[in-house]
Protein backbone atom coordinates (compact mmCIF):
# COMPACT_ATOMS: atom_id res chain seq x y z
CA UNK A 1 0.00 0.00 0.00
CA UNK A 2 2.86 2.36 0.82
CA UNK A 3 4.41 1.93 -2.63
CA UNK A 4 1.03 2.51 -4.25
CA UNK A 5 0.57 5.75 -2.30
CA UNK A 6 4.10 6.80 -3.18
CA UNK A 7 3.35 6.18 -6.87
CA UNK A 8 0.17 8.26 -6.65
CA UNK A 9 2.11 11.08 -4.97
CA UNK A 10 4.76 10.92 -7.70
CA UNK A 11 2.04 11.04 -10.37
CA UNK A 12 0.47 14.07 -8.67
CA UNK A 13 3.86 15.79 -8.41
CA UNK A 14 4.56 15.07 -12.07
CA UNK A 15 1.16 16.31 -13.20
CA UNK A 16 1.48 19.48 -11.12
CA UNK A 17 5.04 20.14 -12.38
CA UNK A 18 6.90 20.61 -9.10
CA UNK A 19 9.69 23.23 -9.06
CA UNK A 20 12.92 21.64 -7.81
CA UNK A 21 14.17 24.55 -5.67
CA UNK A 22 11.13 24.35 -3.42
CA UNK A 23 10.48 20.66 -3.90
CA UNK A 24 10.70 19.72 -0.21
CA UNK A 25 8.15 22.38 0.73
CA UNK A 26 5.89 21.31 -2.12
CA UNK A 27 6.25 17.67 -1.07
CA UNK A 28 5.08 18.63 2.41
CA UNK A 29 2.07 20.49 0.97
CA UNK A 30 1.18 17.55 -1.28
CA UNK A 31 1.40 15.26 1.73
CA UNK A 32 -1.03 17.54 3.59
CA UNK A 33 -3.39 17.47 0.59
CA UNK A 34 -3.14 13.67 0.50
CA UNK A 35 -3.93 13.45 4.23
CA UNK A 36 -6.89 15.79 3.89
CA UNK A 37 -8.18 13.85 0.88
CA UNK A 38 -7.96 10.66 2.93
CA UNK A 39 -9.83 12.34 5.81
CA UNK A 40 -12.56 13.35 3.34
CA UNK A 41 -12.70 9.85 1.87
CA UNK A 42 -11.54 11.03 -1.55
CA UNK A 43 -10.32 8.21 -3.78
CA UNK A 44 -6.47 8.21 -3.82
CA UNK A 45 -6.55 8.07 -7.64
CA UNK A 46 -8.86 11.08 -7.95
CA UNK A 47 -6.39 13.83 -8.80
CA UNK A 48 -9.14 16.21 -9.97
CA UNK A 49 -10.74 16.19 -6.50
CA UNK A 50 -7.37 16.96 -4.97
CA UNK A 51 -6.97 19.85 -7.39
CA UNK A 52 -10.40 21.11 -6.34
CA UNK A 53 -9.25 20.99 -2.74
CA UNK A 54 -6.20 23.06 -3.68
CA UNK A 55 -8.43 25.54 -5.57
CA UNK A 56 -10.73 25.91 -2.60
CA UNK A 57 -7.72 26.73 -0.38
CA UNK A 58 -6.56 29.39 -2.85
CA UNK A 59 -10.02 30.97 -2.96
CA UNK A 60 -10.46 30.76 0.81
CA UNK A 61 -7.27 30.25 2.85
CA UNK A 62 -9.47 29.37 5.83
CA UNK A 63 -10.43 26.13 4.04
CA UNK A 64 -9.64 23.32 6.41
CA UNK A 65 -6.63 21.28 5.37
CA UNK A 66 -5.12 19.53 8.35
CA UNK A 67 -1.68 21.02 9.02
CA UNK A 68 -2.49 24.30 7.25
CA UNK A 69 -5.16 25.64 9.59
CA UNK A 70 -3.64 26.61 12.91
CA UNK A 71 -1.14 29.44 13.21
CA UNK A 72 1.14 27.08 15.12
CA UNK A 73 1.15 24.68 12.14
CA UNK A 74 2.04 27.53 9.80
CA UNK A 75 4.80 28.69 12.13
CA UNK A 76 6.19 25.15 12.28
CA UNK A 77 6.22 25.07 8.47
CA UNK A 78 8.22 28.29 8.48
CA UNK A 79 10.72 26.88 10.96
CA UNK A 80 11.15 23.78 8.80
CA UNK A 81 11.11 25.39 5.32
CA UNK A 82 12.05 29.01 6.06
CA UNK A 83 14.59 29.38 3.24
CA UNK A 84 12.21 27.99 0.64
CA UNK A 85 9.31 30.10 1.93
CA UNK A 86 11.52 33.19 1.93
CA UNK A 87 12.48 32.54 -1.70
CA UNK A 88 8.80 32.34 -2.64
CA UNK A 89 8.04 35.55 -0.76
CA UNK A 90 10.98 37.31 -2.43
CA UNK A 91 9.53 36.35 -5.82
CA UNK A 92 6.23 37.91 -4.70
CA UNK A 93 7.99 41.12 -3.55
CA UNK A 94 6.40 40.39 -0.21
CA UNK A 95 9.17 41.91 1.88
CA UNK A 96 8.62 45.33 0.33
CA UNK A 97 5.20 45.50 1.99
CA UNK A 98 4.66 46.63 5.54
CA UNK A 99 2.95 44.43 8.11
CA UNK A 100 0.08 46.94 8.07
CA UNK A 101 -0.51 46.09 4.39
CA UNK A 102 -1.20 42.52 5.50
CA UNK A 103 -3.34 43.59 8.42
CA UNK A 104 -0.94 42.19 11.00
CA UNK A 105 0.64 45.21 12.59
CA UNK A 106 0.20 43.86 16.11
CA UNK A 107 2.72 40.99 16.13
CA UNK A 108 5.61 39.43 14.35
CA UNK A 109 3.97 36.02 14.83
CA UNK A 110 0.85 37.19 12.96
CA UNK A 111 2.97 38.64 10.16
CA UNK A 112 4.89 35.39 9.89
CA UNK A 113 1.82 33.17 9.71
CA UNK A 114 0.13 35.41 7.11
CA UNK A 115 3.34 35.35 5.09
CA UNK A 116 3.44 31.54 5.19
CA UNK A 117 -0.19 31.42 4.00
CA UNK A 118 0.75 33.66 1.07
CA UNK A 119 3.62 31.35 0.13
CA UNK A 120 1.33 28.30 0.34
CA UNK A 121 -1.23 29.99 -1.89
CA UNK A 122 1.49 30.86 -4.40
CA UNK A 123 2.81 27.30 -4.48
CA UNK A 124 -0.71 25.96 -4.94
CA UNK A 125 -1.38 28.45 -7.76
CA UNK A 126 1.81 27.41 -9.54
CA UNK A 127 0.89 23.77 -9.14
CA UNK A 128 -2.56 24.31 -10.67
CA UNK A 129 -1.35 26.61 -13.45
CA UNK A 130 1.08 24.00 -14.65
CA UNK A 131 -1.58 21.27 -14.56
CA UNK A 132 -2.82 20.01 -17.90
CA UNK A 133 -6.30 18.83 -16.89
CA UNK A 134 -7.71 22.11 -15.61
């Protein structure tokens, strides 16, 4: 079963055209999508439903995907993948914006978690844009 799941994950990564410089971060996000799909009883072979889950997160970042909901989860992602997240945020010219522009002028923690959400949304957008079945 583990090899089958690994094959499905590889197929999803291939279909979504994963960028190599942020591959580890993208792998983590795909794993979270896979876990959420399993929690929702989505067929492991149903890539289109997984893409719909990704789309719903982009449209509403408060969409529940286990591991991407709580601020503490987002902070943990930053601690683990900080360099990759920073590279994504640099591409978005995120660091030229003030915390007030993001609505998080009260704490560094809030700024950090909102920044991680932006990077996740960007990765998901890139994954969907490169997909052929959309």
